[in-house]
Amino acid sequence: MQAALYDDEGGYYSRAGLKRWGREGDYRTGPERSPLFAATFARFFSGLYEELGRPASWTIWEAGAGAGHFAQGVLETFNSSYPQIFSATRYLIDEVSADARSLIQEKLAPFGSRVEYAKLSENANASDVGIVFANELLDAFPVHRVTVKGGRLRELFVETNEAGDFVWTDRELSTPLLSEYLSRLDVKLAEGQVAEINLHAIDWLKRAARVFERGYLVLVDYGAEAKELYDGGLRPRGSLRAFGRHRFIEDVLDEPGEYDITTTIDWTTVKRVCLDAGLEIVSFERQDRFLLRAGFLEELERVTASAPYEAASLTLNTAAREMILPGGMSESFQVLVAGR
């Protein structure tokens, strides 16, 4: 999974010229669906800025910035509606894909030196106050896949058969952390059940929690509590899946590097790691409810009023319905806010 997604030459997120986002790509995230997504989060961030005492300078770290739609929307909203916050903001982007970084740099060129590029793990130059934000990042980390065979926990590895095709094979666990992970959750998998364990997410969360002395961690992703995620009746084969051209790919081992591979987030563990790192869980709710509470409708009214023509206003309203009405995409996503 690491190679299929992040290999320097053939990885899905690394390949130059590959259309990943939008209608013509493989998937669409909230920032690509509507500018209201970033505008609403900018409005929410303005409230966090007040909570932090209106610092003269603060930093927003965005990890996994994609094509830069979210950063662009936040900075434009700050510039037009919150000039004081805009002047105080240093926007740092941690994006592993060189191809994506080139798109971001072009999109954010108007903001000049206010935008910088750095790795979250190398945060010595970060300010002591700010926000770490990640939208659909944790679900893209490579995972370990486990199963139970003969009453014993085994790990699923990838190898090739005689025909040269990739196939699954079970072996001894590569690390005791996998069994410890399930034990901590008091989860016992059934015979033959398959599940994924995202150790990479734990490591990233620990790093993110250390970035600021005072600040907030804001995560947007699709996930479930451990009790549901590891329920053999609900997910007997786990949650590992692939997307290509907005459809499911049946065999995730077929044509690695050609499509996105993802898993559902274990929110129980995410929240526990945050608490262990000294953060307080400020809120955790479904994305549509978060957006409405954060001022989505007010932003819709503001942006619509400034739309240059009726067709643009109609497009905004259509996208807004998709994001907040029952049955829309936001019902499948959650937003976690943790702070210190």
Foldseek 3Di string as FASTA:
>chain_A
DCCLAQPCDQHQLAHAPQADEDLQHWYHFPLRLALLVLLLVLLVQVVQCVVVPVDQAAEEEEEACALQSNVLSNLVNCVVPPVSHNNRYQYEYEHSHPNSVVSNCVSCVVVPRSYYYDHLLPQPPHDQEEEYEYEADLFQADWWKWAAAPNDIWTWDWDADPVRAIDIDTDHDPDCVVVVVCVVVVHDADHQAMEIDRPVLLVVLLSRLPNHNWYKYKYKHFADAPVQQRPCVNHRHGFWWWTTSHDTDPDCRPPRSRTGIGHHDHVNVSVVSCVVSPKAWPDKDQQLVVSVVSCSVVSLVVVLVPDPDDVVNVSNVVSSCLCHPPPHPSRRMMMTMIID
